[in-house]
């Protein structure tokens, strides 16, 4: 169900910024980015967008989207220094004040070659709608990398709701089945999905690994797994055939 702008505003204004797991900046960035357009959804203070700006180079574009005014201000404040560090003559970054579910208000359709969501998807007001907006912004064949947390089994809805209200991106994790449903409903090519670098994470730990993050009371017997999900927007490529041919070519 699509959320109205007022509903999004109410939700995000109440969402705390606890500097928990969603404050990490891991960024599994593909190497084929020079000259491309990269999109960072929920770019926070800009560390990730600075990395993307360097990777796409002076002929590429790095687009940062963020709804938190203080975060956006800090990201923009560091732009000049980041560009100077890269050695570019002018900035290749753009920043937008927009909710993830309303990317269409800031970012054009079929404009990005690469999109990144850093550990915060579980706290979005409507993750499925946000993913649909990201798919819309990607070019056909464009890649989404989503660093997120999934649970090892079904969740208690009340616990998840309370964890989201606390801003705990780990304890708010959905089961893999629900995440796959979000990806499918958003229109991504589920046959292209890949998962990498999985590891168990503690819902109490902050970005520095210290047990300082508030958690909802729970007796659930689940573990939380940090996973980097790679998935493509559909295009004309038969990915099953391409993968098979790539595998065969290694043995020739």
C-alpha atoms as a PDB file:
ATOM      1  CA  UNK A   1       0.000   0.000   0.000  1.00  0.00           C
ATOM      2  CA  UNK A   2       1.372   3.384  -1.031  1.00  0.00           C
ATOM      3  CA  UNK A   3       1.879   5.903   1.779  1.00  0.00           C
ATOM      4  CA  UNK A   4       0.774   9.517   1.435  1.00  0.00           C
ATOM      5  CA  UNK A   5       3.306  12.322   1.831  1.00  0.00           C
ATOM      6  CA  UNK A   6       1.794  13.256   5.197  1.00  0.00           C
ATOM      7  CA  UNK A   7       2.042   9.657   6.396  1.00  0.00           C
ATOM      8  CA  UNK A   8       5.696   9.529   5.333  1.00  0.00           C
ATOM      9  CA  UNK A   9       6.393  12.845   7.026  1.00  0.00           C
ATOM     10  CA  UNK A  10       4.802  11.676  10.281  1.00  0.00           C
ATOM     11  CA  UNK A  11       6.655   8.365  10.226  1.00  0.00           C
ATOM     12  CA  UNK A  12      10.119   9.736   9.477  1.00  0.00           C
ATOM     13  CA  UNK A  13       9.814  12.682  11.844  1.00  0.00           C
ATOM     14  CA  UNK A  14       9.193  10.196  14.673  1.00  0.00           C
ATOM     15  CA  UNK A  15      11.994   7.830  13.642  1.00  0.00           C
ATOM     16  CA  UNK A  16      14.971   8.200  16.011  1.00  0.00           C
ATOM     17  CA  UNK A  17      18.507   8.367  14.711  1.00  0.00           C
ATOM     18  CA  UNK A  18      20.303   6.120  17.176  1.00  0.00           C
ATOM     19  CA  UNK A  19      23.509   5.684  15.163  1.00  0.00           C
ATOM     20  CA  UNK A  20      23.003   1.930  15.228  1.00  0.00           C
ATOM     21  CA  UNK A  21      23.658  -0.593  12.470  1.00  0.00           C
ATOM     22  CA  UNK A  22      22.240   1.751   9.837  1.00  0.00           C
ATOM     23  CA  UNK A  23      25.175   4.100  10.504  1.00  0.00           C
ATOM     24  CA  UNK A  24      27.640   1.625   9.002  1.00  0.00           C
ATOM     25  CA  UNK A  25      29.170   2.504   5.641  1.00  0.00           C
ATOM     26  CA  UNK A  26      30.221  -0.823   4.111  1.00  0.00           C
ATOM     27  CA  UNK A  27      29.532  -0.186   0.422  1.00  0.00           C
ATOM     28  CA  UNK A  28      30.250  -3.120  -1.842  1.00  0.00           C
ATOM     29  CA  UNK A  29      30.860  -0.975  -4.929  1.00  0.00           C
ATOM     30  CA  UNK A  30      31.266  -2.520  -8.410  1.00  0.00           C
ATOM     31  CA  UNK A  31      34.405  -1.597 -10.324  1.00  0.00           C
ATOM     32  CA  UNK A  32      32.610  -0.706 -13.564  1.00  0.00           C
ATOM     33  CA  UNK A  33      31.427   2.749 -12.462  1.00  0.00           C
ATOM     34  CA  UNK A  34      33.643   5.362 -14.213  1.00  0.00           C
ATOM     35  CA  UNK A  35      31.416   7.682 -16.230  1.00  0.00           C
ATOM     36  CA  UNK A  36      28.243   6.139 -14.791  1.00  0.00           C
ATOM     37  CA  UNK A  37      25.472   7.544 -12.589  1.00  0.00           C
ATOM     38  CA  UNK A  38      25.284   6.160  -9.054  1.00  0.00           C
ATOM     39  CA  UNK A  39      22.448   6.665  -6.564  1.00  0.00           C
ATOM     40  CA  UNK A  40      22.841   6.455  -2.777  1.00  0.00           C
ATOM     41  CA  UNK A  41      19.463   6.178  -1.025  1.00  0.00           C
ATOM     42  CA  UNK A  42      19.566   7.417   2.581  1.00  0.00           C
ATOM     43  CA  UNK A  43      23.079   8.818   2.168  1.00  0.00           C
ATOM     44  CA  UNK A  44      23.232  10.159   5.756  1.00  0.00           C
ATOM     45  CA  UNK A  45      26.289  12.385   6.323  1.00  0.00           C
ATOM     46  CA  UNK A  46      27.694  11.738   2.859  1.00  0.00           C
ATOM     47  CA  UNK A  47      30.556   9.292   3.427  1.00  0.00           C
ATOM     48  CA  UNK A  48      29.076   6.847   0.939  1.00  0.00           C
ATOM     49  CA  UNK A  49      28.272   9.451  -1.694  1.00  0.00           C
ATOM     50  CA  UNK A  50      31.843  10.746  -1.494  1.00  0.00           C
ATOM     51  CA  UNK A  51      33.063   7.209  -2.245  1.00  0.00           C
ATOM     52  CA  UNK A  52      30.670   6.916  -5.162  1.00  0.00           C
ATOM     53  CA  UNK A  53      31.716  10.316  -6.505  1.00  0.00           C
ATOM     54  CA  UNK A  54      35.315   9.132  -6.586  1.00  0.00           C
ATOM     55  CA  UNK A  55      34.377   5.848  -8.266  1.00  0.00           C
ATOM     56  CA  UNK A  56      32.229   7.350 -11.043  1.00  0.00           C
ATOM     57  CA  UNK A  57      34.933   9.926 -11.768  1.00  0.00           C
ATOM     58  CA  UNK A  58      34.654  13.479 -13.123  1.00  0.00           C
ATOM     59  CA  UNK A  59      32.454  12.408 -16.062  1.00  0.00           C
ATOM     60  CA  UNK A  60      30.007  10.497 -13.868  1.00  0.00           C
ATOM     61  CA  UNK A  61      27.297  11.584 -11.449  1.00  0.00           C
ATOM     62  CA  UNK A  62      26.760  10.714  -7.784  1.00  0.00           C
ATOM     63  CA  UNK A  63      23.231  11.321  -6.489  1.00  0.00           C
ATOM     64  CA  UNK A  64      22.586  11.381  -2.745  1.00  0.00           C
ATOM     65  CA  UNK A  65      19.051  11.187  -1.339  1.00  0.00           C
ATOM     66  CA  UNK A  66      18.309  11.887   2.307  1.00  0.00           C
ATOM     67  CA  UNK A  67      15.258  13.057   4.297  1.00  0.00           C
ATOM     68  CA  UNK A  68      17.023  14.105   7.520  1.00  0.00           C
ATOM     69  CA  UNK A  69      17.836  17.817   7.264  1.00  0.00           C
ATOM     70  CA  UNK A  70      20.805  17.674   9.640  1.00  0.00           C
ATOM     71  CA  UNK A  71      22.341  14.750   7.768  1.00  0.00           C
ATOM     72  CA  UNK A  72      21.801  16.417   4.418  1.00  0.00           C
ATOM     73  CA  UNK A  73      23.400  19.633   5.652  1.00  0.00           C
ATOM     74  CA  UNK A  74      26.485  17.745   6.835  1.00  0.00           C
ATOM     75  CA  UNK A  75      26.717  15.840   3.551  1.00  0.00           C
ATOM     76  CA  UNK A  76      26.607  19.038   1.533  1.00  0.00           C
ATOM     77  CA  UNK A  77      29.102  20.702   3.882  1.00  0.00           C
ATOM     78  CA  UNK A  78      31.719  18.058   3.076  1.00  0.00           C
ATOM     79  CA  UNK A  79      31.160  18.110  -0.683  1.00  0.00           C
ATOM     80  CA  UNK A  80      33.866  20.644  -1.588  1.00  0.00           C
ATOM     81  CA  UNK A  81      36.510  18.896   0.506  1.00  0.00           C
ATOM     82  CA  UNK A  82      35.624  15.500  -0.988  1.00  0.00           C
ATOM     83  CA  UNK A  83      35.897  16.828  -4.541  1.00  0.00           C
ATOM     84  CA  UNK A  84      39.220  18.485  -3.755  1.00  0.00           C
ATOM     85  CA  UNK A  85      40.483  15.177  -2.347  1.00  0.00           C
ATOM     86  CA  UNK A  86      39.434  13.429  -5.560  1.00  0.00           C
ATOM     87  CA  UNK A  87      41.290  16.032  -7.615  1.00  0.00           C
ATOM     88  CA  UNK A  88      38.258  16.925  -9.733  1.00  0.00           C
ATOM     89  CA  UNK A  89      37.848  20.406 -11.174  1.00  0.00           C
ATOM     90  CA  UNK A  90      34.176  20.567 -10.244  1.00  0.00           C
ATOM     91  CA  UNK A  91      31.639  18.615  -8.248  1.00  0.00           C
ATOM     92  CA  UNK A  92      29.937  15.574  -9.738  1.00  0.00           C
ATOM     93  CA  UNK A  93      27.530  15.264  -6.784  1.00  0.00           C
ATOM     94  CA  UNK A  94      23.895  16.208  -6.348  1.00  0.00           C
ATOM     95  CA  UNK A  95      21.916  15.987  -3.113  1.00  0.00           C
ATOM     96  CA  UNK A  96      18.151  15.700  -2.768  1.00  0.00           C
ATOM     97  CA  UNK A  97      15.864  16.142   0.231  1.00  0.00           C
ATOM     98  CA  UNK A  98      13.395  13.333  -0.406  1.00  0.00           C
ATOM     99  CA  UNK A  99      11.831  10.310   1.273  1.00  0.00           C
ATOM    100  CA  UNK A 100      12.859   6.911  -0.192  1.00  0.00           C
ATOM    101  CA  UNK A 101       9.242   6.202  -1.152  1.00  0.00           C
ATOM    102  CA  UNK A 102       9.125   9.471  -3.142  1.00  0.00           C
ATOM    103  CA  UNK A 103      12.358   9.255  -5.147  1.00  0.00           C
ATOM    104  CA  UNK A 104      10.352  10.066  -8.277  1.00  0.00           C
ATOM    105  CA  UNK A 105      10.042  13.649  -6.998  1.00  0.00           C
ATOM    106  CA  UNK A 106      13.814  14.119  -7.234  1.00  0.00           C
ATOM    107  CA  UNK A 107      15.342  11.436  -9.444  1.00  0.00           C
ATOM    108  CA  UNK A 108      14.342  10.756 -13.025  1.00  0.00           C
ATOM    109  CA  UNK A 109      13.242   7.436 -14.469  1.00  0.00           C
ATOM    110  CA  UNK A 110      15.896   5.148 -16.010  1.00  0.00           C
ATOM    111  CA  UNK A 111      18.696   7.523 -14.990  1.00  0.00           C
ATOM    112  CA  UNK A 112      21.002   5.536 -12.666  1.00  0.00           C
ATOM    113  CA  UNK A 113      23.350   2.692 -13.547  1.00  0.00           C
ATOM    114  CA  UNK A 114      23.875   1.718  -9.918  1.00  0.00           C
ATOM    115  CA  UNK A 115      21.923   2.185  -6.692  1.00  0.00           C
ATOM    116  CA  UNK A 116      22.944   1.550  -3.112  1.00  0.00           C
ATOM    117  CA  UNK A 117      20.987   1.224   0.127  1.00  0.00           C
ATOM    118  CA  UNK A 118      23.139   1.129   3.230  1.00  0.00           C
ATOM    119  CA  UNK A 119      21.800  -0.959   6.141  1.00  0.00           C
ATOM    120  CA  UNK A 120      18.642   1.112   6.642  1.00  0.00           C
ATOM    121  CA  UNK A 121      16.010  -0.541   4.440  1.00  0.00           C
ATOM    122  CA  UNK A 122      14.355  -2.225   7.439  1.00  0.00           C
ATOM    123  CA  UNK A 123      13.549   1.206   8.874  1.00  0.00           C
ATOM    124  CA  UNK A 124      11.935   2.635   5.749  1.00  0.00           C
ATOM    125  CA  UNK A 125       8.257   3.403   6.157  1.00  0.00           C
ATOM    126  CA  UNK A 126       7.372   1.175   3.206  1.00  0.00           C
ATOM    127  CA  UNK A 127      10.383  -0.897   2.084  1.00  0.00           C
ATOM    128  CA  UNK A 128       8.571  -2.467  -0.874  1.00  0.00           C
ATOM    129  CA  UNK A 129       7.529   0.950  -2.229  1.00  0.00           C
ATOM    130  CA  UNK A 130      11.053   2.330  -1.708  1.00  0.00           C
ATOM    131  CA  UNK A 131      12.485  -0.596  -3.668  1.00  0.00           C
ATOM    132  CA  UNK A 132       9.956   0.024  -6.446  1.00  0.00           C
ATOM    133  CA  UNK A 133      11.091   3.648  -6.607  1.00  0.00           C
ATOM    134  CA  UNK A 134      14.731   2.553  -6.813  1.00  0.00           C
ATOM    135  CA  UNK A 135      13.907   0.122  -9.616  1.00  0.00           C
ATOM    136  CA  UNK A 136      12.162   2.943 -11.451  1.00  0.00           C
ATOM    137  CA  UNK A 137      15.255   5.168 -11.136  1.00  0.00           C
ATOM    138  CA  UNK A 138      17.610   2.479 -12.438  1.00  0.00           C
ATOM    139  CA  UNK A 139      18.299   2.026 -16.125  1.00  0.00           C
ATOM    140  CA  UNK A 140      17.351  -1.349 -17.643  1.00  0.00           C
ATOM    141  CA  UNK A 141      20.029  -3.743 -16.466  1.00  0.00           C
ATOM    142  CA  UNK A 142      20.992  -1.402 -13.618  1.00  0.00           C
ATOM    143  CA  UNK A 143      22.310  -2.929 -10.397  1.00  0.00           C
ATOM    144  CA  UNK A 144      21.008  -2.468  -6.854  1.00  0.00           C
ATOM    145  CA  UNK A 145      23.285  -3.363  -3.953  1.00  0.00           C
ATOM    146  CA  UNK A 146      21.376  -3.489  -0.684  1.00  0.00           C
ATOM    147  CA  UNK A 147      23.359  -4.038   2.497  1.00  0.00           C
ATOM    148  CA  UNK A 148      20.700  -5.166   4.932  1.00  0.00           C
ATOM    149  CA  UNK A 149      19.834  -7.570   7.747  1.00  0.00           C
ATOM    150  CA  UNK A 150      17.515 -10.562   7.435  1.00  0.00           C
ATOM    151  CA  UNK A 151      16.165 -12.826  10.166  1.00  0.00           C
ATOM    152  CA  UNK A 152      16.628 -16.585  10.303  1.00  0.00           C
ATOM    153  CA  UNK A 153      12.903 -17.226  10.721  1.00  0.00           C
ATOM    154  CA  UNK A 154       9.398 -15.741  11.037  1.00  0.00           C
ATOM    155  CA  UNK A 155       9.011 -12.623  13.167  1.00  0.00           C
ATOM    156  CA  UNK A 156       6.635 -11.390  15.817  1.00  0.00           C
ATOM    157  CA  UNK A 157       4.932  -8.392  14.183  1.00  0.00           C
ATOM    158  CA  UNK A 158       4.650  -6.507  17.476  1.00  0.00           C
ATOM    159  CA  UNK A 159       8.381  -6.866  18.147  1.00  0.00           C
ATOM    160  CA  UNK A 160       9.240  -5.680  14.646  1.00  0.00           C
ATOM    161  CA  UNK A 161       6.940  -2.684  15.012  1.00  0.00           C
ATOM    162  CA  UNK A 162       8.534  -1.684  18.309  1.00  0.00           C
ATOM    163  CA  UNK A 163      12.056  -2.235  16.930  1.00  0.00           C
ATOM    164  CA  UNK A 164      11.277   0.048  13.979  1.00  0.00           C
ATOM    165  CA  UNK A 165       9.966   2.691  16.365  1.00  0.00           C
ATOM    166  CA  UNK A 166      13.250   2.458  18.292  1.00  0.00           C
ATOM    167  CA  UNK A 167      15.254   2.839  15.081  1.00  0.00           C
ATOM    168  CA  UNK A 168      16.824  -0.615  15.468  1.00  0.00           C
ATOM    169  CA  UNK A 169      17.540  -1.755  11.888  1.00  0.00           C
ATOM    170  CA  UNK A 170      18.780  -5.168  13.043  1.00  0.00           C
ATOM    171  CA  UNK A 171      15.887  -6.174  15.281  1.00  0.00           C
ATOM    172  CA  UNK A 172      13.468  -4.873  12.639  1.00  0.00           C
ATOM    173  CA  UNK A 173      14.830  -7.403  10.118  1.00  0.00           C
ATOM    174  CA  UNK A 174      12.328  -9.346   8.002  1.00  0.00           C
ATOM    175  CA  UNK A 175      12.674 -13.033   7.129  1.00  0.00           C
ATOM    176  CA  UNK A 176      14.374 -13.708   3.786  1.00  0.00           C
ATOM    177  CA  UNK A 177      10.975 -14.784   2.373  1.00  0.00           C
ATOM    178  CA  UNK A 178       9.477 -11.344   3.068  1.00  0.00           C
ATOM    179  CA  UNK A 179      12.504  -9.556   1.630  1.00  0.00           C
ATOM    180  CA  UNK A 180      12.262 -11.627  -1.558  1.00  0.00           C
ATOM    181  CA  UNK A 181       8.585 -10.694  -1.787  1.00  0.00           C
ATOM    182  CA  UNK A 182       9.539  -6.999  -1.587  1.00  0.00           C
ATOM    183  CA  UNK A 183      12.111  -7.454  -4.351  1.00  0.00           C
ATOM    184  CA  UNK A 184       9.640  -9.309  -6.558  1.00  0.00           C
ATOM    185  CA  UNK A 185       6.798  -6.833  -6.016  1.00  0.00           C
ATOM    186  CA  UNK A 186       9.168  -3.951  -6.795  1.00  0.00           C
ATOM    187  CA  UNK A 187       9.775  -5.451 -10.242  1.00  0.00           C
ATOM    188  CA  UNK A 188      13.408  -6.551  -9.963  1.00  0.00           C
ATOM    189  CA  UNK A 189      14.742  -9.577 -11.835  1.00  0.00           C
ATOM    190  CA  UNK A 190      14.676 -12.145  -9.037  1.00  0.00           C
ATOM    191  CA  UNK A 191      16.566 -14.641 -11.233  1.00  0.00           C
ATOM    192  CA  UNK A 192      19.572 -12.304 -10.997  1.00  0.00           C
ATOM    193  CA  UNK A 193      19.664 -12.050  -7.225  1.00  0.00           C
ATOM    194  CA  UNK A 194      22.874 -12.843  -5.395  1.00  0.00           C
ATOM    195  CA  UNK A 195      23.779 -12.658  -1.706  1.00  0.00           C
ATOM    196  CA  UNK A 196      27.274 -12.097  -0.410  1.00  0.00           C
ATOM    197  CA  UNK A 197      29.287 -11.621   2.807  1.00  0.00           C
ATOM    198  CA  UNK A 198      26.704 -12.891   5.276  1.00  0.00           C
ATOM    199  CA  UNK A 199      27.463 -12.745   9.011  1.00  0.00           C
ATOM    200  CA  UNK A 200      25.453 -12.796  12.238  1.00  0.00           C
ATOM    201  CA  UNK A 201      24.932  -9.438  13.946  1.00  0.00           C
ATOM    202  CA  UNK A 202      23.852  -8.367  17.419  1.00  0.00           C
ATOM    203  CA  UNK A 203      20.698  -6.196  17.597  1.00  0.00           C
ATOM    204  CA  UNK A 204      22.165  -4.397  20.629  1.00  0.00           C
ATOM    205  CA  UNK A 205      25.395  -3.351  18.882  1.00  0.00           C
ATOM    206  CA  UNK A 206      25.976   0.093  17.409  1.00  0.00           C
ATOM    207  CA  UNK A 207      28.146   0.922  14.389  1.00  0.00           C
ATOM    208  CA  UNK A 208      31.245   0.576  16.573  1.00  0.00           C
ATOM    209  CA  UNK A 209      30.210  -2.820  17.913  1.00  0.00           C
ATOM    210  CA  UNK A 210      29.300  -1.505  21.373  1.00  0.00           C
ATOM    211  CA  UNK A 211      26.096  -2.709  23.056  1.00  0.00           C
ATOM    212  CA  UNK A 212      24.378   0.668  23.218  1.00  0.00           C
ATOM    213  CA  UNK A 213      21.354   0.293  20.914  1.00  0.00           C
ATOM    214  CA  UNK A 214      17.860   0.055  22.416  1.00  0.00           C
ATOM    215  CA  UNK A 215      15.966  -3.156  21.663  1.00  0.00           C
ATOM    216  CA  UNK A 216      12.363  -4.288  21.948  1.00  0.00           C
ATOM    217  CA  UNK A 217      11.583  -6.907  24.585  1.00  0.00           C
ATOM    218  CA  UNK A 218      11.376 -10.264  22.857  1.00  0.00           C
ATOM    219  CA  UNK A 219      11.554 -14.012  23.419  1.00  0.00           C
ATOM    220  CA  UNK A 220      11.959 -14.787  19.705  1.00  0.00           C
ATOM    221  CA  UNK A 221      14.398 -17.568  18.840  1.00  0.00           C
ATOM    222  CA  UNK A 222      15.854 -15.994  15.713  1.00  0.00           C
ATOM    223  CA  UNK A 223      19.268 -14.817  14.618  1.00  0.00           C
ATOM    224  CA  UNK A 224      19.985 -11.744  12.515  1.00  0.00           C
ATOM    225  CA  UNK A 225      22.174 -12.052   9.442  1.00  0.00           C
ATOM    226  CA  UNK A 226      23.874  -9.108   7.731  1.00  0.00           C
ATOM    227  CA  UNK A 227      23.739  -9.737   3.988  1.00  0.00           C
ATOM    228  CA  UNK A 228      24.766  -7.831   0.883  1.00  0.00           C
ATOM    229  CA  UNK A 229      22.050  -8.381  -1.730  1.00  0.00           C
ATOM    230  CA  UNK A 230      22.815  -7.771  -5.420  1.00  0.00           C
ATOM    231  CA  UNK A 231      19.906  -7.669  -7.871  1.00  0.00           C
ATOM    232  CA  UNK A 232      19.305  -6.198 -11.330  1.00  0.00           C
ATOM    233  CA  UNK A 233      16.493  -4.298 -12.983  1.00  0.00           C
ATOM    234  CA  UNK A 234      15.198  -6.431 -15.857  1.00  0.00           C
ATOM    235  CA  UNK A 235      16.589  -5.840 -19.335  1.00  0.00           C
ATOM    236  CA  UNK A 236      16.756  -7.788 -22.589  1.00  0.00           C
ATOM    237  CA  UNK A 237      19.626 -10.014 -21.371  1.00  0.00           C
ATOM    238  CA  UNK A 238      18.841 -13.667 -20.681  1.00  0.00           C
ATOM    239  CA  UNK A 239      20.823 -13.841 -17.444  1.00  0.00           C
ATOM    240  CA  UNK A 240      20.571 -17.607 -17.093  1.00  0.00           C
ATOM    241  CA  UNK A 241      22.111 -18.067 -20.541  1.00  0.00           C
ATOM    242  CA  UNK A 242      24.782 -15.427 -19.942  1.00  0.00           C
ATOM    243  CA  UNK A 243      25.804 -16.979 -16.611  1.00  0.00           C
ATOM    244  CA  UNK A 244      26.001 -20.428 -18.215  1.00  0.00           C
ATOM    245  CA  UNK A 245      28.137 -19.133 -21.091  1.00  0.00           C
ATOM    246  CA  UNK A 246      30.424 -17.306 -18.665  1.00  0.00           C
ATOM    247  CA  UNK A 247      30.867 -20.507 -16.666  1.00  0.00           C
ATOM    248  CA  UNK A 248      31.579 -22.545 -19.799  1.00  0.00           C
ATOM    249  CA  UNK A 249      34.137 -20.006 -21.058  1.00  0.00           C
ATOM    250  CA  UNK A 250      36.248 -20.467 -17.916  1.00  0.00           C
ATOM    251  CA  UNK A 251      36.972 -24.053 -18.925  1.00  0.00           C
ATOM    252  CA  UNK A 252      37.893 -23.407 -22.551  1.00  0.00           C
END
